[in-house]
């Protein structure tokens, strides 16, 4: 699957803000885990926080995937670019690894 180098997704300021807020929350969670490690917290507490990070990253991925399907894929299919189907198949395979 060959990827176009100049392909971009233009996001609204609202989308950028939502994504940035989620990323900042994930950074905070990671930082919290690091502090827990440095302060010798129990493994159970740390593992619970790692699950929270995983869910946050998954939520971010789902948000971006939904936007991708609604905007990018829809546009590509309207433009009769069926290669986007192969790209989607590749994405779903990565999601399910």
PDB file of N, CA and C in Angstrom:
ATOM      1  N   UNK A   1       0.844  -1.164   0.000  1.00  0.00           N
ATOM      2  CA  UNK A   1       0.000   0.000   0.000  1.00  0.00           C
ATOM      3  C   UNK A   1       0.899   1.238   0.000  1.00  0.00           C
ATOM      4  N   UNK A   2       0.820   2.016  -1.033  1.00  0.00           N
ATOM      5  CA  UNK A   2       1.640   3.211  -1.171  1.00  0.00           C
ATOM      6  C   UNK A   2       0.885   4.409  -0.598  1.00  0.00           C
ATOM      7  N   UNK A   3       1.573   5.189   0.207  1.00  0.00           N
ATOM      8  CA  UNK A   3       0.944   6.326   0.864  1.00  0.00           C
ATOM      9  C   UNK A   3       1.361   7.608   0.166  1.00  0.00           C
ATOM     10  N   UNK A   4       0.366   8.469  -0.103  1.00  0.00           N
ATOM     11  CA  UNK A   4       0.671   9.755  -0.713  1.00  0.00           C
ATOM     12  C   UNK A   4       1.384  10.637   0.303  1.00  0.00           C
ATOM     13  N   UNK A   5       2.449  11.316  -0.140  1.00  0.00           N
ATOM     14  CA  UNK A   5       3.229  12.135   0.780  1.00  0.00           C
ATOM     15  C   UNK A   5       2.538  13.434   1.154  1.00  0.00           C
ATOM     16  N   UNK A   6       1.775  14.028   0.262  1.00  0.00           N
ATOM     17  CA  UNK A   6       1.179  15.331   0.515  1.00  0.00           C
ATOM     18  C   UNK A   6      -0.262  15.247   0.997  1.00  0.00           C
ATOM     19  N   UNK A   7      -0.698  14.070   1.368  1.00  0.00           N
ATOM     20  CA  UNK A   7      -2.056  13.886   1.841  1.00  0.00           C
ATOM     21  C   UNK A   7      -2.201  14.526   3.223  1.00  0.00           C
ATOM     22  N   UNK A   8      -3.247  15.323   3.378  1.00  0.00           N
ATOM     23  CA  UNK A   8      -3.480  15.987   4.655  1.00  0.00           C
ATOM     24  C   UNK A   8      -4.945  15.883   5.037  1.00  0.00           C
ATOM     25  N   UNK A   9      -5.197  16.038   6.315  1.00  0.00           N
ATOM     26  CA  UNK A   9      -6.560  16.155   6.810  1.00  0.00           C
ATOM     27  C   UNK A   9      -6.679  17.514   7.465  1.00  0.00           C
ATOM     28  N   UNK A  10      -7.550  18.324   6.923  1.00  0.00           N
ATOM     29  CA  UNK A  10      -7.785  19.645   7.498  1.00  0.00           C
ATOM     30  C   UNK A  10      -8.836  19.491   8.589  1.00  0.00           C
ATOM     31  N   UNK A  11      -8.467  19.869   9.807  1.00  0.00           N
ATOM     32  CA  UNK A  11      -9.377  19.769  10.942  1.00  0.00           C
ATOM     33  C   UNK A  11      -9.824  21.156  11.371  1.00  0.00           C
ATOM     34  N   UNK A  12     -11.034  21.229  11.897  1.00  0.00           N
ATOM     35  CA  UNK A  12     -11.523  22.498  12.415  1.00  0.00           C
ATOM     36  C   UNK A  12     -10.770  22.822  13.708  1.00  0.00           C
ATOM     37  N   UNK A  13     -10.846  24.061  14.111  1.00  0.00           N
ATOM     38  CA  UNK A  13     -10.213  24.459  15.371  1.00  0.00           C
ATOM     39  C   UNK A  13     -10.846  23.696  16.539  1.00  0.00           C
ATOM     40  N   UNK A  14     -12.151  23.451  16.450  1.00  0.00           N
ATOM     41  CA  UNK A  14     -12.845  22.704  17.500  1.00  0.00           C
ATOM     42  C   UNK A  14     -12.318  21.265  17.582  1.00  0.00           C
ATOM     43  N   UNK A  15     -12.125  20.623  16.426  1.00  0.00           N
ATOM     44  CA  UNK A  15     -11.572  19.261  16.412  1.00  0.00           C
ATOM     45  C   UNK A  15     -10.162  19.250  16.989  1.00  0.00           C
ATOM     46  N   UNK A  16      -9.347  20.211  16.574  1.00  0.00           N
ATOM     47  CA  UNK A  16      -7.973  20.289  17.097  1.00  0.00           C
ATOM     48  C   UNK A  16      -7.984  20.465  18.605  1.00  0.00           C
ATOM     49  N   UNK A  17      -8.910  21.298  19.097  1.00  0.00           N
ATOM     50  CA  UNK A  17      -8.990  21.544  20.537  1.00  0.00           C
ATOM     51  C   UNK A  17      -9.388  20.268  21.278  1.00  0.00           C
ATOM     52  N   UNK A  18     -10.391  19.555  20.758  1.00  0.00           N
ATOM     53  CA  UNK A  18     -10.823  18.303  21.388  1.00  0.00           C
ATOM     54  C   UNK A  18      -9.697  17.271  21.414  1.00  0.00           C
ATOM     55  N   UNK A  19      -9.005  17.130  20.296  1.00  0.00           N
ATOM     56  CA  UNK A  19      -7.908  16.163  20.208  1.00  0.00           C
ATOM     57  C   UNK A  19      -6.766  16.564  21.138  1.00  0.00           C
ATOM     58  N   UNK A  20      -6.416  17.839  21.131  1.00  0.00           N
ATOM     59  CA  UNK A  20      -5.346  18.329  21.994  1.00  0.00           C
ATOM     60  C   UNK A  20      -5.685  18.124  23.468  1.00  0.00           C
ATOM     61  N   UNK A  21      -6.932  18.382  23.842  1.00  0.00           N
ATOM     62  CA  UNK A  21      -7.345  18.164  25.236  1.00  0.00           C
ATOM     63  C   UNK A  21      -7.198  16.700  25.630  1.00  0.00           C
ATOM     64  N   UNK A  22      -7.580  15.809  24.731  1.00  0.00           N
ATOM     65  CA  UNK A  22      -7.449  14.375  25.021  1.00  0.00           C
ATOM     66  C   UNK A  22      -5.977  13.982  25.155  1.00  0.00           C
ATOM     67  N   UNK A  23      -5.143  14.504  24.261  1.00  0.00           N
ATOM     68  CA  UNK A  23      -3.709  14.200  24.322  1.00  0.00           C
ATOM     69  C   UNK A  23      -3.109  14.720  25.628  1.00  0.00           C
ATOM     70  N   UNK A  24      -3.492  15.924  26.015  1.00  0.00           N
ATOM     71  CA  UNK A  24      -2.980  16.489  27.267  1.00  0.00           C
ATOM     72  C   UNK A  24      -3.414  15.662  28.475  1.00  0.00           C
ATOM     73  N   UNK A  25      -4.646  15.155  28.438  1.00  0.00           N
ATOM     74  CA  UNK A  25      -5.134  14.299  29.517  1.00  0.00           C
ATOM     75  C   UNK A  25      -4.297  13.017  29.580  1.00  0.00           C
ATOM     76  N   UNK A  26      -3.996  12.441  28.414  1.00  0.00           N
ATOM     77  CA  UNK A  26      -3.172  11.226  28.368  1.00  0.00           C
ATOM     78  C   UNK A  26      -1.768  11.509  28.896  1.00  0.00           C
ATOM     79  N   UNK A  27      -1.197  12.646  28.504  1.00  0.00           N
ATOM     80  CA  UNK A  27       0.122  13.023  29.030  1.00  0.00           C
ATOM     81  C   UNK A  27       0.088  13.117  30.551  1.00  0.00           C
ATOM     82  N   UNK A  28      -0.984  13.703  31.079  1.00  0.00           N
ATOM     83  CA  UNK A  28      -1.131  13.818  32.531  1.00  0.00           C
ATOM     84  C   UNK A  28      -1.227  12.461  33.196  1.00  0.00           C
ATOM     85  N   UNK A  29      -1.953  11.556  32.576  1.00  0.00           N
ATOM     86  CA  UNK A  29      -2.075  10.205  33.125  1.00  0.00           C
ATOM     87  C   UNK A  29      -0.716   9.506  33.141  1.00  0.00           C
ATOM     88  N   UNK A  30       0.029   9.640  32.067  1.00  0.00           N
ATOM     89  CA  UNK A  30       1.362   9.022  31.981  1.00  0.00           C
ATOM     90  C   UNK A  30       2.282   9.613  33.048  1.00  0.00           C
ATOM     91  N   UNK A  31       2.230  10.915  33.177  1.00  0.00           N
ATOM     92  CA  UNK A  31       3.039  11.591  34.187  1.00  0.00           C
ATOM     93  C   UNK A  31       2.661  11.104  35.586  1.00  0.00           C
ATOM     94  N   UNK A  32       1.372  10.901  35.807  1.00  0.00           N
ATOM     95  CA  UNK A  32       0.915  10.386  37.094  1.00  0.00           C
ATOM     96  C   UNK A  32       1.448   8.996  37.372  1.00  0.00           C
ATOM     97  N   UNK A  33       1.493   8.159  36.352  1.00  0.00           N
ATOM     98  CA  UNK A  33       2.042   6.805  36.517  1.00  0.00           C
ATOM     99  C   UNK A  33       3.518   6.881  36.873  1.00  0.00           C
ATOM    100  N   UNK A  34       4.239   7.775  36.200  1.00  0.00           N
ATOM    101  CA  UNK A  34       5.667   7.938  36.503  1.00  0.00           C
ATOM    102  C   UNK A  34       5.863   8.347  37.967  1.00  0.00           C
ATOM    103  N   UNK A  35       5.038   9.257  38.449  1.00  0.00           N
ATOM    104  CA  UNK A  35       5.126   9.688  39.855  1.00  0.00           C
ATOM    105  C   UNK A  35       4.803   8.529  40.792  1.00  0.00           C
ATOM    106  N   UNK A  36       3.811   7.733  40.408  1.00  0.00           N
ATOM    107  CA  UNK A  36       3.458   6.584  41.238  1.00  0.00           C
ATOM    108  C   UNK A  36       4.620   5.607  41.341  1.00  0.00           C
ATOM    109  N   UNK A  37       5.301   5.380  40.225  1.00  0.00           N
ATOM    110  CA  UNK A  37       6.475   4.493  40.224  1.00  0.00           C
ATOM    111  C   UNK A  37       7.554   5.057  41.144  1.00  0.00           C
ATOM    112  N   UNK A  38       7.839   6.343  40.969  1.00  0.00           N
ATOM    113  CA  UNK A  38       8.887   6.989  41.771  1.00  0.00           C
ATOM    114  C   UNK A  38       8.547   7.040  43.255  1.00  0.00           C
ATOM    115  N   UNK A  39       7.249   6.999  43.579  1.00  0.00           N
ATOM    116  CA  UNK A  39       6.825   7.046  44.978  1.00  0.00           C
ATOM    117  C   UNK A  39       6.424   5.674  45.513  1.00  0.00           C
ATOM    118  N   UNK A  40       6.846   4.633  44.793  1.00  0.00           N
ATOM    119  CA  UNK A  40       6.670   3.250  45.245  1.00  0.00           C
ATOM    120  C   UNK A  40       5.216   2.869  45.542  1.00  0.00           C
ATOM    121  N   UNK A  41       4.297   3.299  44.689  1.00  0.00           N
ATOM    122  CA  UNK A  41       2.906   2.888  44.837  1.00  0.00           C
ATOM    123  C   UNK A  41       2.788   1.398  44.566  1.00  0.00           C
ATOM    124  N   UNK A  42       1.711   0.811  45.052  1.00  0.00           N
ATOM    125  CA  UNK A  42       1.464  -0.614  44.830  1.00  0.00           C
ATOM    126  C   UNK A  42       1.244  -0.902  43.349  1.00  0.00           C
ATOM    127  N   UNK A  43       1.648  -2.090  42.950  1.00  0.00           N
ATOM    128  CA  UNK A  43       1.492  -2.509  41.556  1.00  0.00           C
ATOM    129  C   UNK A  43       0.041  -2.416  41.099  1.00  0.00           C
ATOM    130  N   UNK A  44      -0.896  -2.848  41.938  1.00  0.00           N
ATOM    131  CA  UNK A  44      -2.310  -2.816  41.557  1.00  0.00           C
ATOM    132  C   UNK A  44      -2.756  -1.409  41.170  1.00  0.00           C
ATOM    133  N   UNK A  45      -2.375  -0.430  41.972  1.00  0.00           N
ATOM    134  CA  UNK A  45      -2.764   0.956  41.696  1.00  0.00           C
ATOM    135  C   UNK A  45      -2.172   1.445  40.372  1.00  0.00           C
ATOM    136  N   UNK A  46      -0.942   1.070  40.128  1.00  0.00           N
ATOM    137  CA  UNK A  46      -0.280   1.474  38.880  1.00  0.00           C
ATOM    138  C   UNK A  46      -0.937   0.787  37.688  1.00  0.00           C
ATOM    139  N   UNK A  47      -1.226  -0.486  37.828  1.00  0.00           N
ATOM    140  CA  UNK A  47      -1.866  -1.221  36.731  1.00  0.00           C
ATOM    141  C   UNK A  47      -3.244  -0.649  36.407  1.00  0.00           C
ATOM    142  N   UNK A  48      -3.983  -0.250  37.428  1.00  0.00           N
ATOM    143  CA  UNK A  48      -5.291   0.380  37.196  1.00  0.00           C
ATOM    144  C   UNK A  48      -5.120   1.658  36.381  1.00  0.00           C
ATOM    145  N   UNK A  49      -4.082   2.420  36.683  1.00  0.00           N
ATOM    146  CA  UNK A  49      -3.837   3.656  35.934  1.00  0.00           C
ATOM    147  C   UNK A  49      -3.401   3.368  34.499  1.00  0.00           C
ATOM    148  N   UNK A  50      -2.637   2.279  34.297  1.00  0.00           N
ATOM    149  CA  UNK A  50      -2.238   1.952  32.922  1.00  0.00           C
ATOM    150  C   UNK A  50      -3.454   1.559  32.083  1.00  0.00           C
ATOM    151  N   UNK A  51      -4.423   0.903  32.699  1.00  0.00           N
ATOM    152  CA  UNK A  51      -5.659   0.566  31.990  1.00  0.00           C
ATOM    153  C   UNK A  51      -6.408   1.845  31.621  1.00  0.00           C
ATOM    154  N   UNK A  52      -6.412   2.806  32.522  1.00  0.00           N
ATOM    155  CA  UNK A  52      -7.068   4.095  32.235  1.00  0.00           C
ATOM    156  C   UNK A  52      -6.402   4.773  31.034  1.00  0.00           C
ATOM    157  N   UNK A  53      -5.077   4.697  30.959  1.00  0.00           N
ATOM    158  CA  UNK A  53      -4.351   5.288  29.826  1.00  0.00           C
ATOM    159  C   UNK A  53      -4.731   4.552  28.537  1.00  0.00           C
ATOM    160  N   UNK A  54      -4.740   3.233  28.592  1.00  0.00           N
ATOM    161  CA  UNK A  54      -5.121   2.449  27.409  1.00  0.00           C
ATOM    162  C   UNK A  54      -6.499   2.850  26.907  1.00  0.00           C
ATOM    163  N   UNK A  55      -7.448   3.003  27.821  1.00  0.00           N
ATOM    164  CA  UNK A  55      -8.805   3.390  27.433  1.00  0.00           C
ATOM    165  C   UNK A  55      -8.829   4.797  26.848  1.00  0.00           C
ATOM    166  N   UNK A  56      -8.037   5.687  27.400  1.00  0.00           N
ATOM    167  CA  UNK A  56      -7.975   7.052  26.884  1.00  0.00           C
ATOM    168  C   UNK A  56      -7.394   7.085  25.476  1.00  0.00           C
ATOM    169  N   UNK A  57      -6.347   6.314  25.253  1.00  0.00           N
ATOM    170  CA  UNK A  57      -5.731   6.247  23.914  1.00  0.00           C
ATOM    171  C   UNK A  57      -6.717   5.613  22.936  1.00  0.00           C
ATOM    172  N   UNK A  58      -7.399   4.560  23.351  1.00  0.00           N
ATOM    173  CA  UNK A  58      -8.391   3.905  22.493  1.00  0.00           C
ATOM    174  C   UNK A  58      -9.523   4.877  22.150  1.00  0.00           C
ATOM    175  N   UNK A  59      -9.946   5.651  23.120  1.00  0.00           N
ATOM    176  CA  UNK A  59     -11.002   6.642  22.886  1.00  0.00           C
ATOM    177  C   UNK A  59     -10.545   7.697  21.881  1.00  0.00           C
ATOM    178  N   UNK A  60      -9.314   8.141  22.016  1.00  0.00           N
ATOM    179  CA  UNK A  60      -8.748   9.099  21.064  1.00  0.00           C
ATOM    180  C   UNK A  60      -8.688   8.488  19.667  1.00  0.00           C
ATOM    181  N   UNK A  61      -8.218   7.259  19.582  1.00  0.00           N
ATOM    182  CA  UNK A  61      -8.149   6.572  18.290  1.00  0.00           C
ATOM    183  C   UNK A  61      -9.531   6.449  17.659  1.00  0.00           C
ATOM    184  N   UNK A  62     -10.513   6.093  18.447  1.00  0.00           N
ATOM    185  CA  UNK A  62     -11.873   5.958  17.937  1.00  0.00           C
ATOM    186  C   UNK A  62     -12.432   7.293  17.455  1.00  0.00           C
ATOM    187  N   UNK A  63     -12.135   8.355  18.175  1.00  0.00           N
ATOM    188  CA  UNK A  63     -12.577   9.694  17.779  1.00  0.00           C
ATOM    189  C   UNK A  63     -11.987  10.063  16.415  1.00  0.00           C
ATOM    190  N   UNK A  64     -10.697   9.824  16.256  1.00  0.00           N
ATOM    191  CA  UNK A  64     -10.026  10.157  14.995  1.00  0.00           C
ATOM    192  C   UNK A  64     -10.518   9.238  13.880  1.00  0.00           C
ATOM    193  N   UNK A  65     -10.714   7.962  14.178  1.00  0.00           N
ATOM    194  CA  UNK A  65     -11.221   7.024  13.170  1.00  0.00           C
ATOM    195  C   UNK A  65     -12.618   7.435  12.702  1.00  0.00           C
ATOM    196  N   UNK A  66     -13.464   7.799  13.629  1.00  0.00           N
ATOM    197  CA  UNK A  66     -14.822   8.222  13.269  1.00  0.00           C
ATOM    198  C   UNK A  66     -14.778   9.443  12.352  1.00  0.00           C
ATOM    199  N   UNK A  67     -13.953  10.397  12.695  1.00  0.00           N
ATOM    200  CA  UNK A  67     -13.793  11.589  11.866  1.00  0.00           C
ATOM    201  C   UNK A  67     -13.252  11.211  10.488  1.00  0.00           C
ATOM    202  N   UNK A  68     -12.290  10.300  10.468  1.00  0.00           N
ATOM    203  CA  UNK A  68     -11.693   9.845   9.214  1.00  0.00           C
ATOM    204  C   UNK A  68     -12.754   9.218   8.309  1.00  0.00           C
ATOM    205  N   UNK A  69     -13.593   8.383   8.896  1.00  0.00           N
ATOM    206  CA  UNK A  69     -14.644   7.730   8.117  1.00  0.00           C
ATOM    207  C   UNK A  69     -15.658   8.748   7.594  1.00  0.00           C
ATOM    208  N   UNK A  70     -16.049   9.673   8.449  1.00  0.00           N
ATOM    209  CA  UNK A  70     -17.073  10.640   8.057  1.00  0.00           C
ATOM    210  C   UNK A  70     -16.573  11.656   7.042  1.00  0.00           C
ATOM    211  N   UNK A  71     -15.329  12.051   7.156  1.00  0.00           N
ATOM    212  CA  UNK A  71     -14.803  13.103   6.275  1.00  0.00           C
ATOM    213  C   UNK A  71     -13.964  12.541   5.135  1.00  0.00           C
ATOM    214  N   UNK A  72     -12.849  11.989   5.488  1.00  0.00           N
ATOM    215  CA  UNK A  72     -11.839  11.583   4.500  1.00  0.00           C
ATOM    216  C   UNK A  72     -12.334  10.460   3.593  1.00  0.00           C
ATOM    217  N   UNK A  73     -12.803   9.379   4.206  1.00  0.00           N
ATOM    218  CA  UNK A  73     -13.212   8.220   3.414  1.00  0.00           C
ATOM    219  C   UNK A  73     -14.412   8.578   2.540  1.00  0.00           C
ATOM    220  N   UNK A  74     -15.367   9.290   3.115  1.00  0.00           N
ATOM    221  CA  UNK A  74     -16.535   9.716   2.341  1.00  0.00           C
ATOM    222  C   UNK A  74     -16.119  10.527   1.129  1.00  0.00           C
ATOM    223  N   UNK A  75     -15.201  11.470   1.326  1.00  0.00           N
ATOM    224  CA  UNK A  75     -14.724  12.305   0.219  1.00  0.00           C
ATOM    225  C   UNK A  75     -14.014  11.455  -0.830  1.00  0.00           C
ATOM    226  N   UNK A  76     -13.137  10.568  -0.378  1.00  0.00           N
ATOM    227  CA  UNK A  76     -12.387   9.720  -1.308  1.00  0.00           C
ATOM    228  C   UNK A  76     -13.324   8.850  -2.146  1.00  0.00           C
ATOM    229  N   UNK A  77     -14.345   8.305  -1.512  1.00  0.00           N
ATOM    230  CA  UNK A  77     -15.284   7.456  -2.246  1.00  0.00           C
ATOM    231  C   UNK A  77     -16.123   8.282  -3.230  1.00  0.00           C
ATOM    232  N   UNK A  78     -16.503   9.487  -2.818  1.00  0.00           N
ATOM    233  CA  UNK A  78     -17.228  10.375  -3.744  1.00  0.00           C
ATOM    234  C   UNK A  78     -16.363  10.704  -4.958  1.00  0.00           C
ATOM    235  N   UNK A  79     -15.051  10.825  -4.719  1.00  0.00           N
ATOM    236  CA  UNK A  79     -14.103  11.101  -5.809  1.00  0.00           C
ATOM    237  C   UNK A  79     -13.712   9.823  -6.556  1.00  0.00           C
ATOM    238  N   UNK A  80     -14.391   8.735  -6.232  1.00  0.00           N
ATOM    239  CA  UNK A  80     -14.180   7.427  -6.865  1.00  0.00           C
ATOM    240  C   UNK A  80     -12.778   6.858  -6.640  1.00  0.00           C
ATOM    241  N   UNK A  81     -12.164   7.213  -5.529  1.00  0.00           N
ATOM    242  CA  UNK A  81     -10.862   6.666  -5.156  1.00  0.00           C
ATOM    243  C   UNK A  81     -11.100   5.437  -4.283  1.00  0.00           C
ATOM    244  N   UNK A  82     -11.141   4.283  -4.918  1.00  0.00           N
ATOM    245  CA  UNK A  82     -11.427   3.052  -4.187  1.00  0.00           C
ATOM    246  C   UNK A  82     -10.206   2.517  -3.427  1.00  0.00           C
ATOM    247  N   UNK A  83      -9.038   3.093  -3.648  1.00  0.00           N
ATOM    248  CA  UNK A  83      -7.838   2.693  -2.898  1.00  0.00           C
ATOM    249  C   UNK A  83      -8.045   2.949  -1.403  1.00  0.00           C
ATOM    250  N   UNK A  84      -8.920   3.870  -1.083  1.00  0.00           N
ATOM    251  CA  UNK A  84      -9.204   4.173   0.315  1.00  0.00           C
ATOM    252  C   UNK A  84      -9.755   2.946   1.053  1.00  0.00           C
ATOM    253  N   UNK A  85     -10.415   2.038   0.330  1.00  0.00           N
ATOM    254  CA  UNK A  85     -10.914   0.803   0.948  1.00  0.00           C
ATOM    255  C   UNK A  85      -9.740  -0.043   1.431  1.00  0.00           C
ATOM    256  N   UNK A  86      -8.702  -0.161   0.615  1.00  0.00           N
ATOM    257  CA  UNK A  86      -7.508  -0.920   1.031  1.00  0.00           C
ATOM    258  C   UNK A  86      -6.822  -0.262   2.219  1.00  0.00           C
ATOM    259  N   UNK A  87      -6.810   1.073   2.239  1.00  0.00           N
ATOM    260  CA  UNK A  87      -6.237   1.785   3.382  1.00  0.00           C
ATOM    261  C   UNK A  87      -7.032   1.477   4.649  1.00  0.00           C
ATOM    262  N   UNK A  88      -8.345   1.463   4.528  1.00  0.00           N
ATOM    263  CA  UNK A  88      -9.202   1.148   5.675  1.00  0.00           C
ATOM    264  C   UNK A  88      -8.972  -0.273   6.172  1.00  0.00           C
ATOM    265  N   UNK A  89      -8.859  -1.195   5.261  1.00  0.00           N
ATOM    266  CA  UNK A  89      -8.595  -2.589   5.639  1.00  0.00           C
ATOM    267  C   UNK A  89      -7.288  -2.658   6.428  1.00  0.00           C
ATOM    268  N   UNK A  90      -6.260  -1.951   5.957  1.00  0.00           N
ATOM    269  CA  UNK A  90      -4.985  -1.911   6.678  1.00  0.00           C
ATOM    270  C   UNK A  90      -5.126  -1.307   8.065  1.00  0.00           C
ATOM    271  N   UNK A  91      -5.923  -0.239   8.158  1.00  0.00           N
ATOM    272  CA  UNK A  91      -6.156   0.388   9.465  1.00  0.00           C
ATOM    273  C   UNK A  91      -6.834  -0.579  10.433  1.00  0.00           C
ATOM    274  N   UNK A  92      -7.889  -1.237   9.953  1.00  0.00           N
ATOM    275  CA  UNK A  92      -8.609  -2.162  10.826  1.00  0.00           C
ATOM    276  C   UNK A  92      -7.728  -3.335  11.258  1.00  0.00           C
ATOM    277  N   UNK A  93      -6.850  -3.776  10.385  1.00  0.00           N
ATOM    278  CA  UNK A  93      -5.927  -4.847  10.767  1.00  0.00           C
ATOM    279  C   UNK A  93      -4.994  -4.378  11.881  1.00  0.00           C
ATOM    280  N   UNK A  94      -4.513  -3.129  11.771  1.00  0.00           N
ATOM    281  CA  UNK A  94      -3.643  -2.589  12.826  1.00  0.00           C
ATOM    282  C   UNK A  94      -4.409  -2.422  14.134  1.00  0.00           C
ATOM    283  N   UNK A  95      -5.665  -2.000  14.043  1.00  0.00           N
ATOM    284  CA  UNK A  95      -6.498  -1.826  15.237  1.00  0.00           C
ATOM    285  C   UNK A  95      -6.698  -3.133  15.968  1.00  0.00           C
ATOM    286  N   UNK A  96      -6.730  -4.224  15.224  1.00  0.00           N
ATOM    287  CA  UNK A  96      -7.050  -5.524  15.821  1.00  0.00           C
ATOM    288  C   UNK A  96      -5.829  -6.377  16.148  1.00  0.00           C
ATOM    289  N   UNK A  97      -4.657  -5.808  16.132  1.00  0.00           N
ATOM    290  CA  UNK A  97      -3.442  -6.571  16.469  1.00  0.00           C
ATOM    291  C   UNK A  97      -3.240  -6.614  17.950  1.00  0.00           C
TER     292      UNK A  97
END
